C-alpha cells in the first residue's frame, strides 16, 4: 500500500495536470474568441459592401425610373399631337365633303 506522502504526491501531480489542461483550454477559448472577432469584422466589411451595392443599385433604378418618366411624357406628347392631327384631318374631310356636295347641288 502507498504511503500518505506518495498518495499526496499523486494527487498533486493530477492537480498539476488539470491546471495545465485548464490553462490550455483558456488559451484555446481566447484563440476562438479572437477568431470570432475576425469573422465578425469580415461580416461587417461584407455588410458595408452590400450596403454600398444596394445604394448603387437604388441610384441606378432611380435613373431608370427617371428615363421611363421622360419616355412617358414623350408618349403623352405624341398622343396629343396625333389627336390634334386627327381632328385636322377629320375637319378637312368634312370641309371637302361639304364643298363637293355644294358643287354637285349647284350644278343640278
N, C-alpha and C. Protein backbone atom coordinates (compact mmCIF):
# COMPACT_ATOMS: atom_id res chain seq x y z
N UNK A 1 0.83 -1.17 0.00
CA UNK A 1 0.00 0.00 0.00
C UNK A 1 0.88 1.25 0.00
N UNK A 2 0.39 2.30 -0.70
CA UNK A 2 1.17 3.52 -0.84
C UNK A 2 1.11 4.32 0.45
N UNK A 3 2.16 5.03 0.67
CA UNK A 3 2.20 5.86 1.87
C UNK A 3 1.41 7.12 1.63
N UNK A 4 1.19 7.81 2.70
CA UNK A 4 0.43 9.06 2.62
C UNK A 4 1.14 10.07 1.73
N UNK A 5 2.44 10.14 1.84
CA UNK A 5 3.22 11.09 1.02
C UNK A 5 3.10 10.74 -0.45
N UNK A 6 3.13 9.46 -0.77
CA UNK A 6 3.01 9.06 -2.17
C UNK A 6 1.63 9.40 -2.71
N UNK A 7 0.62 9.16 -1.90
CA UNK A 7 -0.74 9.47 -2.33
C UNK A 7 -0.93 10.97 -2.52
N UNK A 8 -0.38 11.78 -1.62
CA UNK A 8 -0.47 13.24 -1.73
C UNK A 8 0.29 13.70 -2.98
N UNK A 9 1.45 13.12 -3.25
CA UNK A 9 2.24 13.47 -4.43
C UNK A 9 1.47 13.12 -5.70
N UNK A 10 0.81 11.97 -5.68
CA UNK A 10 0.00 11.57 -6.84
C UNK A 10 -1.13 12.57 -7.09
N UNK A 11 -1.82 12.95 -6.02
CA UNK A 11 -2.92 13.92 -6.15
C UNK A 11 -2.38 15.26 -6.61
N UNK A 12 -1.22 15.68 -6.10
CA UNK A 12 -0.63 16.94 -6.55
C UNK A 12 -0.29 16.87 -8.04
N UNK A 13 0.20 15.74 -8.49
CA UNK A 13 0.52 15.56 -9.91
C UNK A 13 -0.75 15.66 -10.76
N UNK A 14 -1.80 15.02 -10.29
CA UNK A 14 -3.06 15.06 -11.02
C UNK A 14 -3.59 16.50 -11.08
N UNK A 15 -3.50 17.23 -9.99
CA UNK A 15 -3.95 18.62 -9.93
C UNK A 15 -3.11 19.49 -10.88
N UNK A 16 -1.83 19.24 -10.95
CA UNK A 16 -0.96 20.00 -11.85
C UNK A 16 -1.36 19.74 -13.30
N UNK A 17 -1.66 18.47 -13.62
CA UNK A 17 -2.10 18.15 -14.98
C UNK A 17 -3.41 18.86 -15.31
N UNK A 18 -4.32 18.86 -14.36
CA UNK A 18 -5.60 19.53 -14.59
C UNK A 18 -5.41 21.03 -14.75
N UNK A 19 -4.49 21.61 -13.98
CA UNK A 19 -4.20 23.04 -14.09
C UNK A 19 -3.66 23.35 -15.48
N UNK A 20 -2.76 22.52 -15.97
CA UNK A 20 -2.22 22.71 -17.32
C UNK A 20 -3.32 22.57 -18.37
N UNK A 21 -4.20 21.59 -18.16
CA UNK A 21 -5.31 21.38 -19.11
C UNK A 21 -6.22 22.61 -19.12
N UNK A 22 -6.51 23.15 -17.93
CA UNK A 22 -7.36 24.34 -17.86
C UNK A 22 -6.69 25.54 -18.51
N UNK A 23 -5.38 25.69 -18.32
CA UNK A 23 -4.66 26.79 -18.97
C UNK A 23 -4.70 26.63 -20.49
N UNK A 24 -4.54 25.38 -20.95
CA UNK A 24 -4.60 25.14 -22.39
C UNK A 24 -6.00 25.46 -22.91
N UNK A 25 -7.02 25.07 -22.14
CA UNK A 25 -8.40 25.38 -22.55
C UNK A 25 -8.64 26.88 -22.58
N UNK A 26 -8.10 27.59 -21.64
CA UNK A 26 -8.23 29.05 -21.63
C UNK A 26 -7.61 29.66 -22.88
N UNK A 27 -6.42 29.18 -23.22
CA UNK A 27 -5.74 29.69 -24.42
C UNK A 27 -6.56 29.38 -25.67
N UNK A 28 -7.11 28.17 -25.72
CA UNK A 28 -7.94 27.81 -26.87
C UNK A 28 -9.18 28.69 -26.94
N UNK A 29 -9.82 28.91 -25.81
CA UNK A 29 -11.00 29.78 -25.79
C UNK A 29 -10.65 31.21 -26.20
N UNK A 30 -9.48 31.66 -25.75
CA UNK A 30 -9.01 33.00 -26.13
C UNK A 30 -8.80 33.07 -27.64
N UNK A 31 -8.19 32.03 -28.19
CA UNK A 31 -7.94 31.97 -29.63
C UNK A 31 -9.26 31.89 -30.40
N UNK A 32 -10.20 31.12 -29.90
CA UNK A 32 -11.52 31.03 -30.54
C UNK A 32 -12.21 32.38 -30.51
N UNK A 33 -12.11 33.08 -29.38
CA UNK A 33 -12.69 34.41 -29.28
C UNK A 33 -12.09 35.37 -30.29
N UNK A 34 -10.77 35.29 -30.48
CA UNK A 34 -10.10 36.15 -31.46
C UNK A 34 -10.56 35.81 -32.88
N UNK A 35 -10.70 34.51 -33.15
CA UNK A 35 -11.18 34.11 -34.47
C UNK A 35 -12.60 34.61 -34.71
N UNK A 36 -13.42 34.51 -33.69
CA UNK A 36 -14.80 35.00 -33.82
C UNK A 36 -14.79 36.51 -34.08
N UNK A 37 -13.91 37.23 -33.40
CA UNK A 37 -13.80 38.68 -33.63
C UNK A 37 -13.41 38.97 -35.08
N UNK A 38 -12.45 38.17 -35.61
CA UNK A 38 -12.04 38.38 -37.00
C UNK A 38 -13.19 38.08 -37.96
N UNK A 39 -13.93 37.02 -37.66
CA UNK A 39 -15.09 36.69 -38.51
C UNK A 39 -16.12 37.81 -38.44
N UNK A 40 -16.36 38.35 -37.25
CA UNK A 40 -17.30 39.46 -37.11
C UNK A 40 -16.85 40.67 -37.92
N UNK A 41 -15.55 40.95 -37.91
CA UNK A 41 -15.03 42.06 -38.70
C UNK A 41 -15.24 41.82 -40.20
N UNK A 42 -15.00 40.58 -40.62
CA UNK A 42 -15.23 40.26 -42.04
C UNK A 42 -16.70 40.42 -42.40
N UNK A 43 -17.56 39.96 -41.52
CA UNK A 43 -19.01 40.09 -41.78
C UNK A 43 -19.39 41.56 -41.86
N UNK A 44 -18.82 42.38 -40.98
CA UNK A 44 -19.10 43.82 -41.02
C UNK A 44 -18.65 44.42 -42.35
N UNK A 45 -17.47 44.00 -42.84
CA UNK A 45 -17.00 44.52 -44.13
C UNK A 45 -17.91 44.08 -45.26
N UNK A 46 -18.38 42.83 -45.21
CA UNK A 46 -19.30 42.34 -46.24
C UNK A 46 -20.61 43.13 -46.17
N UNK A 47 -21.09 43.39 -44.96
CA UNK A 47 -22.31 44.19 -44.80
C UNK A 47 -22.13 45.58 -45.40
N UNK A 48 -20.98 46.19 -45.16
CA UNK A 48 -20.72 47.51 -45.72
C UNK A 48 -20.69 47.46 -47.24
N UNK A 49 -20.06 46.43 -47.79
CA UNK A 49 -20.04 46.29 -49.25
C UNK A 49 -21.44 46.11 -49.80
N UNK A 50 -22.23 45.29 -49.13
CA UNK A 50 -23.61 45.08 -49.59
C UNK A 50 -24.42 46.36 -49.50
N UNK A 51 -24.20 47.14 -48.45
CA UNK A 51 -24.90 48.42 -48.33
C UNK A 51 -24.53 49.36 -49.47
N UNK A 52 -23.22 49.41 -49.81
CA UNK A 52 -22.80 50.26 -50.92
C UNK A 52 -23.40 49.76 -52.24
N UNK A 53 -23.42 48.45 -52.42
CA UNK A 53 -24.00 47.88 -53.64
C UNK A 53 -25.49 48.21 -53.72
N UNK A 54 -26.17 48.10 -52.59
CA UNK A 54 -27.60 48.42 -52.57
C UNK A 54 -27.84 49.89 -52.91
N UNK A 55 -27.01 50.77 -52.39
CA UNK A 55 -27.15 52.19 -52.70
C UNK A 55 -26.92 52.46 -54.18
N UNK A 56 -25.90 51.80 -54.76
CA UNK A 56 -25.65 51.99 -56.19
C UNK A 56 -26.81 51.46 -57.02
N UNK A 57 -27.35 50.32 -56.62
CA UNK A 57 -28.47 49.76 -57.37
C UNK A 57 -29.70 50.65 -57.27
N UNK A 58 -29.96 51.19 -56.08
CA UNK A 58 -31.08 52.10 -55.91
C UNK A 58 -30.91 53.34 -56.79
N UNK A 59 -29.69 53.86 -56.85
CA UNK A 59 -29.43 55.03 -57.68
C UNK A 59 -29.68 54.71 -59.15
N UNK A 60 -29.26 53.53 -59.58
CA UNK A 60 -29.48 53.14 -60.98
C UNK A 60 -30.96 52.93 -61.26
N UNK A 61 -31.68 52.32 -60.33
CA UNK A 61 -33.12 52.14 -60.53
C UNK A 61 -33.83 53.49 -60.60
N UNK A 62 -33.39 54.43 -59.78
CA UNK A 62 -33.98 55.77 -59.83
C UNK A 62 -33.70 56.42 -61.18
N UNK A 63 -32.49 56.23 -61.70
CA UNK A 63 -32.16 56.79 -63.02
C UNK A 63 -33.03 56.16 -64.10
N UNK A 64 -33.23 54.86 -64.01
CA UNK A 64 -34.10 54.18 -64.99
C UNK A 64 -35.53 54.68 -64.86
N UNK A 65 -35.99 54.86 -63.63
CA UNK A 65 -37.34 55.40 -63.42
C UNK A 65 -37.47 56.79 -64.05
N UNK A 66 -36.45 57.63 -63.88
CA UNK A 66 -36.50 58.96 -64.48
C UNK A 66 -36.56 58.86 -66.01
N UNK A 67 -35.80 57.92 -66.57
CA UNK A 67 -35.84 57.74 -68.03
C UNK A 67 -37.23 57.32 -68.48
N UNK A 68 -37.84 56.40 -67.76
CA UNK A 68 -39.18 55.97 -68.12
C UNK A 68 -40.19 57.11 -68.00
N UNK A 69 -40.00 57.97 -67.00
CA UNK A 69 -40.89 59.12 -66.87
C UNK A 69 -40.74 60.03 -68.09
N UNK A 70 -39.51 60.23 -68.53
CA UNK A 70 -39.26 61.04 -69.72
C UNK A 70 -39.93 60.41 -70.94
N UNK A 71 -39.80 59.10 -71.07
CA UNK A 71 -40.43 58.41 -72.20
C UNK A 71 -41.95 58.52 -72.11
N UNK A 72 -42.48 58.39 -70.90
CA UNK A 72 -43.93 58.54 -70.71
C UNK A 72 -44.39 59.91 -71.17
N UNK A 73 -43.65 60.95 -70.80
CA UNK A 73 -44.01 62.31 -71.21
C UNK A 73 -43.96 62.44 -72.73
N UNK A 74 -42.98 61.80 -73.33
CA UNK A 74 -42.87 61.87 -74.80
C UNK A 74 -44.06 61.17 -75.45
N UNK A 75 -44.45 60.01 -74.93
CA UNK A 75 -45.61 59.31 -75.49
C UNK A 75 -46.88 60.13 -75.33
N UNK A 76 -47.02 60.79 -74.19
CA UNK A 76 -48.20 61.64 -73.98
C UNK A 76 -48.20 62.78 -74.98
N UNK A 77 -47.03 63.39 -75.21
CA UNK A 77 -46.94 64.49 -76.18
C UNK A 77 -47.27 63.99 -77.59
N UNK A 78 -46.76 62.81 -77.96
CA UNK A 78 -47.07 62.25 -79.29
C UNK A 78 -48.55 61.95 -79.41
N UNK A 79 -49.14 61.41 -78.36
CA UNK A 79 -50.57 61.10 -78.37
C UNK A 79 -51.41 62.36 -78.57
N UNK A 80 -51.02 63.42 -77.86
CA UNK A 80 -51.75 64.69 -78.01
C UNK A 80 -51.59 65.24 -79.42
N UNK A 81 -50.40 65.14 -79.97
CA UNK A 81 -50.15 65.64 -81.32
C UNK A 81 -50.97 64.85 -82.34
N UNK A 82 -51.03 63.51 -82.16
CA UNK A 82 -51.81 62.69 -83.08
C UNK A 82 -53.30 63.02 -82.98
N UNK A 83 -53.78 63.31 -81.78
CA UNK A 83 -55.18 63.69 -81.60
C UNK A 83 -55.50 64.99 -82.34
N UNK A 84 -54.58 65.95 -82.22
CA UNK A 84 -54.79 67.21 -82.93
C UNK A 84 -54.77 67.00 -84.44
N UNK A 85 -53.83 66.18 -84.91
CA UNK A 85 -53.76 65.92 -86.35
C UNK A 85 -55.00 65.19 -86.84
N UNK A 86 -55.51 64.26 -86.03
CA UNK A 86 -56.73 63.54 -86.41
C UNK A 86 -57.90 64.53 -86.54
N UNK A 87 -58.00 65.45 -85.59
CA UNK A 87 -59.07 66.44 -85.67
C UNK A 87 -58.93 67.29 -86.93
N UNK A 88 -57.71 67.67 -87.29
CA UNK A 88 -57.49 68.45 -88.50
C UNK A 88 -57.89 67.64 -89.74
N UNK A 89 -57.50 66.38 -89.77
CA UNK A 89 -57.83 65.53 -90.93
C UNK A 89 -59.35 65.38 -91.06
N UNK A 90 -60.02 65.11 -89.94
CA UNK A 90 -61.48 64.98 -89.98
C UNK A 90 -62.12 66.30 -90.41
N UNK A 91 -61.62 67.41 -89.90
CA UNK A 91 -62.14 68.72 -90.29
C UNK A 91 -61.96 68.99 -91.78
N UNK A 92 -60.79 68.66 -92.31
CA UNK A 92 -60.53 68.86 -93.75
C UNK A 92 -61.45 67.97 -94.58
N UNK A 93 -61.65 66.72 -94.13
CA UNK A 93 -62.53 65.81 -94.87
C UNK A 93 -63.97 66.30 -94.87
N UNK A 94 -64.44 66.79 -93.74
CA UNK A 94 -65.81 67.31 -93.67
C UNK A 94 -65.95 68.55 -94.56
N UNK A 95 -64.94 69.43 -94.52
CA UNK A 95 -64.96 70.62 -95.36
C UNK A 95 -64.97 70.23 -96.84
N UNK A 96 -64.16 69.25 -97.20
CA UNK A 96 -64.12 68.78 -98.59
C UNK A 96 -65.46 68.18 -98.98
N UNK A 97 -66.05 67.39 -98.09
CA UNK A 97 -67.36 66.79 -98.36
C UNK A 97 -68.42 67.86 -98.57
N UNK A 98 -68.40 68.88 -97.74
CA UNK A 98 -69.37 69.97 -97.89
C UNK A 98 -69.14 70.69 -99.21
N UNK A 99 -67.86 70.92 -99.58
CA UNK A 99 -67.57 71.60 -100.85
C UNK A 99 -68.03 70.75 -102.03
N UNK A 100 -67.83 69.44 -102.00
CA UNK A 100 -68.24 68.56 -103.09
C UNK A 100 -69.76 68.53 -103.17
N UNK A 101 -70.44 68.38 -102.04
CA UNK A 101 -71.92 68.37 -102.04
C UNK A 101 -72.45 69.71 -102.55
N UNK A 102 -71.82 70.80 -102.13
CA UNK A 102 -72.25 72.12 -102.62
C UNK A 102 -72.06 72.25 -104.13
N UNK A 103 -70.94 71.75 -104.64
CA UNK A 103 -70.68 71.83 -106.08
C UNK A 103 -71.68 70.99 -106.85
N UNK A 104 -71.99 69.79 -106.33
CA UNK A 104 -72.95 68.90 -107.01
C UNK A 104 -74.34 69.52 -107.00
N UNK A 105 -74.76 70.12 -105.90
CA UNK A 105 -76.08 70.73 -105.80
C UNK A 105 -76.20 71.97 -106.65
N UNK A 106 -75.10 72.71 -106.80
CA UNK A 106 -75.16 73.95 -107.58
C UNK A 106 -75.24 73.63 -109.07
N UNK A 107 -74.84 72.53 -109.58
CA UNK A 107 -74.89 72.13 -110.97
C UNK A 107 -76.23 71.50 -111.31
N UNK A 108 -76.85 71.02 -110.32
CA UNK A 108 -78.05 70.25 -110.55
C UNK A 108 -79.29 71.01 -110.64
